[in-house]
N, C-alpha and C. Protein backbone atom coordinates (compact mmCIF):
# COMPACT_ATOMS: atom_id res chain seq x y z
N MET A 1 -87.89 3.38 107.59
CA MET A 1 -86.59 2.74 107.61
C MET A 1 -86.78 1.23 107.66
N SER A 2 -85.98 0.53 106.90
CA SER A 2 -86.02 -0.92 106.88
C SER A 2 -85.71 -1.47 108.27
N ALA A 3 -86.43 -2.53 108.65
CA ALA A 3 -86.17 -3.18 109.94
C ALA A 3 -84.73 -3.67 110.03
N MET A 4 -84.14 -3.94 108.87
CA MET A 4 -82.77 -4.45 108.87
C MET A 4 -81.77 -3.39 109.31
N ARG A 5 -82.18 -2.11 109.35
CA ARG A 5 -81.26 -1.04 109.72
C ARG A 5 -81.65 -0.35 111.02
N ARG A 6 -82.53 -0.96 111.80
CA ARG A 6 -83.00 -0.35 113.04
C ARG A 6 -82.19 -0.85 114.24
N ARG A 7 -82.11 0.04 115.26
CA ARG A 7 -81.45 -0.39 116.50
C ARG A 7 -82.16 -1.62 117.05
N TRP A 8 -81.39 -2.51 117.60
CA TRP A 8 -81.80 -3.79 118.20
C TRP A 8 -82.11 -4.86 117.17
N SER A 9 -81.85 -4.58 115.89
CA SER A 9 -82.00 -5.63 114.88
C SER A 9 -80.77 -6.53 114.90
N LEU A 10 -81.01 -7.83 114.83
CA LEU A 10 -79.93 -8.80 114.68
C LEU A 10 -79.90 -9.17 113.21
N VAL A 11 -78.78 -8.90 112.56
CA VAL A 11 -78.65 -9.11 111.12
C VAL A 11 -77.38 -9.88 110.81
N GLU A 12 -77.38 -10.50 109.66
CA GLU A 12 -76.15 -11.12 109.16
C GLU A 12 -75.39 -10.05 108.40
N ALA A 13 -74.11 -9.92 108.73
CA ALA A 13 -73.27 -8.93 108.06
C ALA A 13 -71.95 -9.58 107.65
N ASP A 14 -71.39 -9.08 106.59
CA ASP A 14 -70.07 -9.52 106.15
C ASP A 14 -69.05 -8.51 106.68
N LEU A 15 -68.29 -8.91 107.68
CA LEU A 15 -67.31 -8.02 108.30
C LEU A 15 -65.95 -8.06 107.61
N GLY A 16 -65.85 -8.81 106.53
CA GLY A 16 -64.61 -8.82 105.76
C GLY A 16 -63.52 -9.65 106.41
N GLU A 17 -62.33 -9.50 105.87
CA GLU A 17 -61.17 -10.26 106.36
C GLU A 17 -60.66 -9.67 107.68
N PRO A 18 -60.20 -10.53 108.58
CA PRO A 18 -59.76 -10.03 109.88
C PRO A 18 -58.32 -9.53 109.87
N LEU A 19 -58.05 -8.65 110.81
CA LEU A 19 -56.70 -8.25 111.16
C LEU A 19 -56.56 -8.54 112.64
N GLY A 20 -55.53 -9.26 113.02
CA GLY A 20 -55.35 -9.59 114.44
C GLY A 20 -56.51 -10.39 114.98
N HIS A 21 -57.09 -9.91 116.07
CA HIS A 21 -58.17 -10.62 116.76
C HIS A 21 -59.55 -10.09 116.41
N GLU A 22 -59.67 -9.34 115.32
CA GLU A 22 -60.97 -8.81 114.92
C GLU A 22 -61.95 -9.92 114.57
N GLN A 23 -63.23 -9.65 114.80
CA GLN A 23 -64.27 -10.53 114.31
C GLN A 23 -64.40 -10.28 112.81
N SER A 24 -64.69 -11.31 112.06
CA SER A 24 -64.65 -11.19 110.61
C SER A 24 -65.69 -12.07 109.95
N LEU A 25 -65.68 -11.99 108.63
CA LEU A 25 -66.51 -12.81 107.76
C LEU A 25 -68.00 -12.60 108.04
N ARG A 26 -68.84 -13.50 107.54
CA ARG A 26 -70.29 -13.37 107.74
C ARG A 26 -70.65 -13.91 109.11
N ARG A 27 -71.41 -13.08 109.83
CA ARG A 27 -71.82 -13.46 111.18
C ARG A 27 -72.98 -12.57 111.62
N PRO A 28 -73.70 -12.99 112.64
CA PRO A 28 -74.72 -12.11 113.19
C PRO A 28 -74.08 -10.92 113.90
N VAL A 29 -74.71 -9.76 113.75
CA VAL A 29 -74.31 -8.56 114.48
C VAL A 29 -75.58 -7.91 115.00
N LEU A 30 -75.46 -7.25 116.15
CA LEU A 30 -76.58 -6.52 116.73
C LEU A 30 -76.36 -5.04 116.49
N ILE A 31 -77.33 -4.38 115.87
CA ILE A 31 -77.22 -2.94 115.63
C ILE A 31 -77.52 -2.20 116.93
N VAL A 32 -76.60 -1.31 117.34
CA VAL A 32 -76.77 -0.56 118.58
C VAL A 32 -76.81 0.95 118.37
N SER A 33 -76.50 1.42 117.17
CA SER A 33 -76.51 2.86 116.92
C SER A 33 -77.95 3.37 116.85
N ASN A 34 -78.09 4.68 117.12
CA ASN A 34 -79.42 5.27 117.14
C ASN A 34 -79.97 5.40 115.72
N GLU A 35 -81.28 5.44 115.63
CA GLU A 35 -81.92 5.38 114.32
C GLU A 35 -81.72 6.63 113.48
N ALA A 36 -81.57 7.78 114.11
CA ALA A 36 -81.30 9.00 113.34
C ALA A 36 -79.95 8.87 112.63
N PHE A 37 -78.94 8.37 113.33
CA PHE A 37 -77.63 8.13 112.73
C PHE A 37 -77.74 7.10 111.61
N ASN A 38 -78.41 6.00 111.87
CA ASN A 38 -78.55 4.92 110.88
C ASN A 38 -79.20 5.44 109.59
N ARG A 39 -80.23 6.24 109.76
CA ARG A 39 -80.99 6.77 108.62
C ARG A 39 -80.17 7.77 107.82
N ALA A 40 -79.47 8.67 108.50
CA ALA A 40 -78.77 9.78 107.83
C ALA A 40 -77.43 9.40 107.23
N SER A 41 -76.76 8.41 107.80
CA SER A 41 -75.36 8.17 107.43
C SER A 41 -75.13 7.00 106.48
N GLY A 42 -76.03 6.04 106.45
CA GLY A 42 -75.75 4.81 105.69
C GLY A 42 -74.77 3.91 106.41
N LEU A 43 -74.47 4.27 107.65
CA LEU A 43 -73.58 3.48 108.50
C LEU A 43 -74.38 2.95 109.68
N LEU A 44 -73.84 1.90 110.31
CA LEU A 44 -74.48 1.28 111.47
C LEU A 44 -73.39 0.89 112.46
N THR A 45 -73.62 1.16 113.73
CA THR A 45 -72.69 0.70 114.75
C THR A 45 -73.23 -0.62 115.28
N VAL A 46 -72.37 -1.63 115.30
CA VAL A 46 -72.81 -3.00 115.59
C VAL A 46 -71.91 -3.68 116.62
N LEU A 47 -72.49 -4.69 117.25
CA LEU A 47 -71.73 -5.59 118.10
C LEU A 47 -71.74 -6.96 117.43
N PRO A 48 -70.57 -7.49 117.08
CA PRO A 48 -70.54 -8.81 116.48
C PRO A 48 -70.91 -9.89 117.50
N ALA A 49 -71.38 -11.01 116.99
CA ALA A 49 -71.67 -12.18 117.81
C ALA A 49 -70.73 -13.30 117.39
N THR A 50 -70.42 -14.15 118.34
CA THR A 50 -69.64 -15.34 118.05
C THR A 50 -70.40 -16.53 118.60
N SER A 51 -70.22 -17.69 117.98
CA SER A 51 -70.95 -18.87 118.44
C SER A 51 -70.34 -19.37 119.75
N VAL A 52 -71.18 -20.01 120.54
CA VAL A 52 -70.71 -20.60 121.80
C VAL A 52 -69.99 -21.90 121.46
N LYS A 53 -68.76 -21.98 121.88
CA LYS A 53 -67.96 -23.17 121.63
C LYS A 53 -67.79 -23.96 122.92
N LEU A 54 -67.68 -25.26 122.80
CA LEU A 54 -67.53 -26.15 123.94
C LEU A 54 -66.37 -25.68 124.82
N GLY A 55 -66.64 -25.50 126.08
CA GLY A 55 -65.60 -25.11 127.03
C GLY A 55 -65.37 -23.62 127.15
N ARG A 56 -66.03 -22.83 126.31
CA ARG A 56 -65.86 -21.37 126.38
C ARG A 56 -66.98 -20.78 127.22
N SER A 57 -66.62 -20.03 128.22
CA SER A 57 -67.63 -19.40 129.06
C SER A 57 -67.80 -17.94 128.65
N VAL A 58 -68.96 -17.41 128.99
CA VAL A 58 -69.25 -16.00 128.71
C VAL A 58 -68.48 -15.17 129.73
N GLN A 59 -67.72 -14.21 129.24
CA GLN A 59 -66.93 -13.33 130.10
C GLN A 59 -67.82 -12.24 130.68
N PRO A 60 -67.41 -11.63 131.80
CA PRO A 60 -68.25 -10.61 132.44
C PRO A 60 -68.54 -9.40 131.55
N PHE A 61 -67.75 -9.17 130.52
CA PHE A 61 -67.94 -8.03 129.63
C PHE A 61 -68.67 -8.41 128.36
N GLU A 62 -69.19 -9.63 128.28
CA GLU A 62 -69.91 -10.13 127.11
C GLU A 62 -71.37 -10.39 127.47
N VAL A 63 -72.20 -10.66 126.46
CA VAL A 63 -73.63 -10.90 126.67
C VAL A 63 -74.01 -12.20 125.97
N PHE A 64 -74.58 -13.13 126.74
CA PHE A 64 -75.08 -14.37 126.15
C PHE A 64 -76.38 -14.08 125.42
N LEU A 65 -76.47 -14.55 124.18
CA LEU A 65 -77.68 -14.39 123.38
C LEU A 65 -78.13 -15.79 122.96
N PRO A 66 -79.15 -16.33 123.63
CA PRO A 66 -79.57 -17.70 123.33
C PRO A 66 -80.20 -17.84 121.95
N ALA A 67 -80.13 -19.04 121.43
CA ALA A 67 -80.78 -19.34 120.15
C ALA A 67 -82.25 -18.95 120.26
N GLY A 68 -82.76 -18.34 119.20
CA GLY A 68 -84.16 -17.92 119.16
C GLY A 68 -84.37 -16.48 119.59
N SER A 69 -83.52 -15.96 120.45
CA SER A 69 -83.65 -14.58 120.87
C SER A 69 -83.30 -13.68 119.70
N ALA A 70 -84.19 -12.78 119.33
CA ALA A 70 -84.02 -11.89 118.17
C ALA A 70 -83.83 -12.69 116.88
N GLY A 71 -84.37 -13.92 116.85
CA GLY A 71 -84.23 -14.75 115.67
C GLY A 71 -82.85 -15.37 115.54
N ASN A 72 -82.05 -15.29 116.60
CA ASN A 72 -80.69 -15.81 116.57
C ASN A 72 -80.68 -17.30 116.22
N PRO A 73 -79.89 -17.71 115.22
CA PRO A 73 -79.92 -19.11 114.78
C PRO A 73 -79.25 -20.10 115.74
N ALA A 74 -78.36 -19.63 116.62
CA ALA A 74 -77.64 -20.54 117.53
C ALA A 74 -77.24 -19.78 118.78
N ASP A 75 -77.02 -20.50 119.87
CA ASP A 75 -76.50 -19.85 121.07
C ASP A 75 -75.25 -19.07 120.69
N SER A 76 -75.21 -17.81 121.10
CA SER A 76 -74.11 -16.93 120.71
C SER A 76 -73.72 -16.03 121.86
N ILE A 77 -72.60 -15.35 121.67
CA ILE A 77 -72.11 -14.37 122.63
C ILE A 77 -71.92 -13.06 121.88
N LEU A 78 -72.60 -12.00 122.36
CA LEU A 78 -72.38 -10.67 121.81
C LEU A 78 -71.10 -10.10 122.41
N LEU A 79 -70.34 -9.40 121.58
CA LEU A 79 -69.01 -8.93 121.97
C LEU A 79 -68.96 -7.40 121.97
N PRO A 80 -69.40 -6.76 123.06
CA PRO A 80 -69.36 -5.30 123.11
C PRO A 80 -67.96 -4.72 122.92
N HIS A 81 -66.94 -5.45 123.30
CA HIS A 81 -65.56 -4.97 123.15
C HIS A 81 -65.08 -5.01 121.70
N HIS A 82 -65.89 -5.55 120.81
CA HIS A 82 -65.58 -5.56 119.37
C HIS A 82 -66.49 -4.59 118.61
N ILE A 83 -67.02 -3.60 119.28
CA ILE A 83 -67.91 -2.63 118.65
C ILE A 83 -67.23 -2.03 117.41
N ARG A 84 -68.01 -1.85 116.36
CA ARG A 84 -67.48 -1.20 115.16
C ARG A 84 -68.61 -0.61 114.34
N THR A 85 -68.26 0.34 113.51
CA THR A 85 -69.22 0.97 112.62
C THR A 85 -68.96 0.47 111.21
N ILE A 86 -70.04 0.01 110.56
CA ILE A 86 -69.92 -0.59 109.24
C ILE A 86 -70.90 0.08 108.28
N SER A 87 -70.66 -0.11 107.00
CA SER A 87 -71.60 0.34 105.98
C SER A 87 -72.84 -0.55 105.98
N ALA A 88 -74.00 0.05 105.76
CA ALA A 88 -75.23 -0.74 105.64
C ALA A 88 -75.14 -1.71 104.46
N ALA A 89 -74.25 -1.45 103.52
CA ALA A 89 -74.08 -2.35 102.37
C ALA A 89 -73.51 -3.71 102.79
N ARG A 90 -72.98 -3.81 104.00
CA ARG A 90 -72.44 -5.09 104.49
C ARG A 90 -73.53 -6.04 104.98
N LEU A 91 -74.76 -5.55 105.11
CA LEU A 91 -75.85 -6.37 105.64
C LEU A 91 -76.38 -7.33 104.59
N HIS A 92 -76.74 -8.53 105.05
CA HIS A 92 -77.26 -9.54 104.12
C HIS A 92 -78.67 -9.99 104.44
N ARG A 93 -78.99 -10.17 105.71
CA ARG A 93 -80.36 -10.57 106.03
C ARG A 93 -80.68 -10.27 107.48
N LEU A 94 -81.95 -10.12 107.73
CA LEU A 94 -82.47 -9.84 109.06
C LEU A 94 -82.82 -11.16 109.74
N TYR A 95 -82.31 -11.35 110.97
CA TYR A 95 -82.74 -12.50 111.77
C TYR A 95 -83.98 -12.14 112.58
N GLY A 96 -83.96 -10.95 113.19
CA GLY A 96 -85.07 -10.52 114.02
C GLY A 96 -84.66 -9.30 114.84
N ARG A 97 -85.47 -8.96 115.83
CA ARG A 97 -85.15 -7.80 116.69
C ARG A 97 -85.10 -8.25 118.14
N LEU A 98 -84.17 -7.69 118.86
CA LEU A 98 -84.05 -7.95 120.29
C LEU A 98 -85.12 -7.10 120.98
N SER A 99 -86.14 -7.76 121.51
CA SER A 99 -87.27 -7.03 122.07
C SER A 99 -87.32 -7.10 123.59
N ASP A 100 -86.59 -8.01 124.20
CA ASP A 100 -86.63 -8.17 125.65
C ASP A 100 -85.92 -7.00 126.33
N PRO A 101 -86.64 -6.23 127.17
CA PRO A 101 -86.02 -5.07 127.81
C PRO A 101 -84.81 -5.42 128.69
N ALA A 102 -84.85 -6.56 129.36
CA ALA A 102 -83.72 -6.95 130.21
C ALA A 102 -82.48 -7.24 129.36
N GLN A 103 -82.66 -7.89 128.22
CA GLN A 103 -81.53 -8.15 127.33
C GLN A 103 -80.98 -6.86 126.75
N ARG A 104 -81.87 -5.95 126.36
CA ARG A 104 -81.42 -4.65 125.83
C ARG A 104 -80.61 -3.91 126.88
N ARG A 105 -81.11 -3.92 128.11
CA ARG A 105 -80.41 -3.23 129.19
C ARG A 105 -79.03 -3.84 129.43
N GLU A 106 -78.95 -5.17 129.42
CA GLU A 106 -77.66 -5.82 129.62
C GLU A 106 -76.68 -5.43 128.52
N VAL A 107 -77.14 -5.42 127.27
CA VAL A 107 -76.27 -5.01 126.16
C VAL A 107 -75.78 -3.59 126.38
N ALA A 108 -76.71 -2.68 126.70
CA ALA A 108 -76.34 -1.27 126.90
C ALA A 108 -75.36 -1.12 128.06
N GLU A 109 -75.60 -1.81 129.15
CA GLU A 109 -74.70 -1.71 130.31
C GLU A 109 -73.30 -2.25 129.99
N LYS A 110 -73.23 -3.36 129.28
CA LYS A 110 -71.92 -3.93 128.94
C LYS A 110 -71.17 -3.02 127.97
N LEU A 111 -71.90 -2.40 127.04
CA LEU A 111 -71.28 -1.49 126.09
C LEU A 111 -70.75 -0.25 126.82
N LEU A 112 -71.56 0.33 127.66
CA LEU A 112 -71.11 1.50 128.43
C LEU A 112 -69.96 1.13 129.36
N GLY A 113 -70.01 -0.07 129.93
CA GLY A 113 -68.92 -0.53 130.78
C GLY A 113 -67.63 -0.68 130.02
N HIS A 114 -67.70 -1.21 128.81
CA HIS A 114 -66.50 -1.35 127.98
C HIS A 114 -65.87 0.02 127.71
N LEU A 115 -66.70 1.01 127.47
CA LEU A 115 -66.21 2.36 127.19
C LEU A 115 -65.88 3.11 128.48
N ASP A 116 -66.17 2.50 129.62
CA ASP A 116 -65.98 3.11 130.94
C ASP A 116 -66.78 4.39 131.04
N PHE A 117 -68.04 4.34 130.56
CA PHE A 117 -68.94 5.47 130.60
C PHE A 117 -70.13 5.23 131.54
N LEU A 118 -69.99 4.31 132.48
CA LEU A 118 -71.11 4.04 133.38
C LEU A 118 -71.37 5.21 134.33
N ASP A 119 -70.31 5.91 134.71
CA ASP A 119 -70.46 7.09 135.56
C ASP A 119 -69.75 8.24 134.87
N LEU A 120 -70.52 9.08 134.20
CA LEU A 120 -69.93 10.15 133.40
C LEU A 120 -69.21 11.20 134.25
N ARG A 121 -69.51 11.25 135.53
CA ARG A 121 -68.81 12.19 136.40
C ARG A 121 -67.32 11.84 136.51
N GLU A 122 -67.00 10.55 136.37
CA GLU A 122 -65.60 10.12 136.47
C GLU A 122 -64.75 10.65 135.31
N ILE A 123 -65.38 10.94 134.18
CA ILE A 123 -64.64 11.45 133.02
C ILE A 123 -63.98 12.78 133.35
N GLU A 124 -64.67 13.58 134.12
CA GLU A 124 -64.11 14.89 134.50
C GLU A 124 -62.88 14.76 135.37
N GLU A 125 -62.73 13.62 136.04
CA GLU A 125 -61.60 13.42 136.95
C GLU A 125 -60.44 12.69 136.30
N GLU A 126 -60.59 12.24 135.07
CA GLU A 126 -59.51 11.52 134.40
C GLU A 126 -58.34 12.44 134.12
N PRO A 127 -57.12 11.91 134.18
CA PRO A 127 -55.95 12.75 133.89
C PRO A 127 -55.89 13.16 132.43
């Protein structure tokens, strides 16, 4: 499988035109879907990144991704709350791979937190 389609790869993707507050256009995205899914489906589940803007702080549900990490071209913020599944045809280039275990864990925890799946026992108690 191409490195550009592997989990933890940071790639440039064209997310198309936005609707509402969606992330859009060409931007870095982090692939978070498992490799069996990526290989079999031609689809990838990704977290878009946005650039750090003056005066904007990282929210508790976001992940700071510094320039250079996974080949990231600029300080950015990963947006787990903007998770989406896209066609692999939207990919344009590979920046690199997120290899730091602590960063991977933070991404996974924020994603599970967004979905409220940190404690799966609580799902059984939902109305």
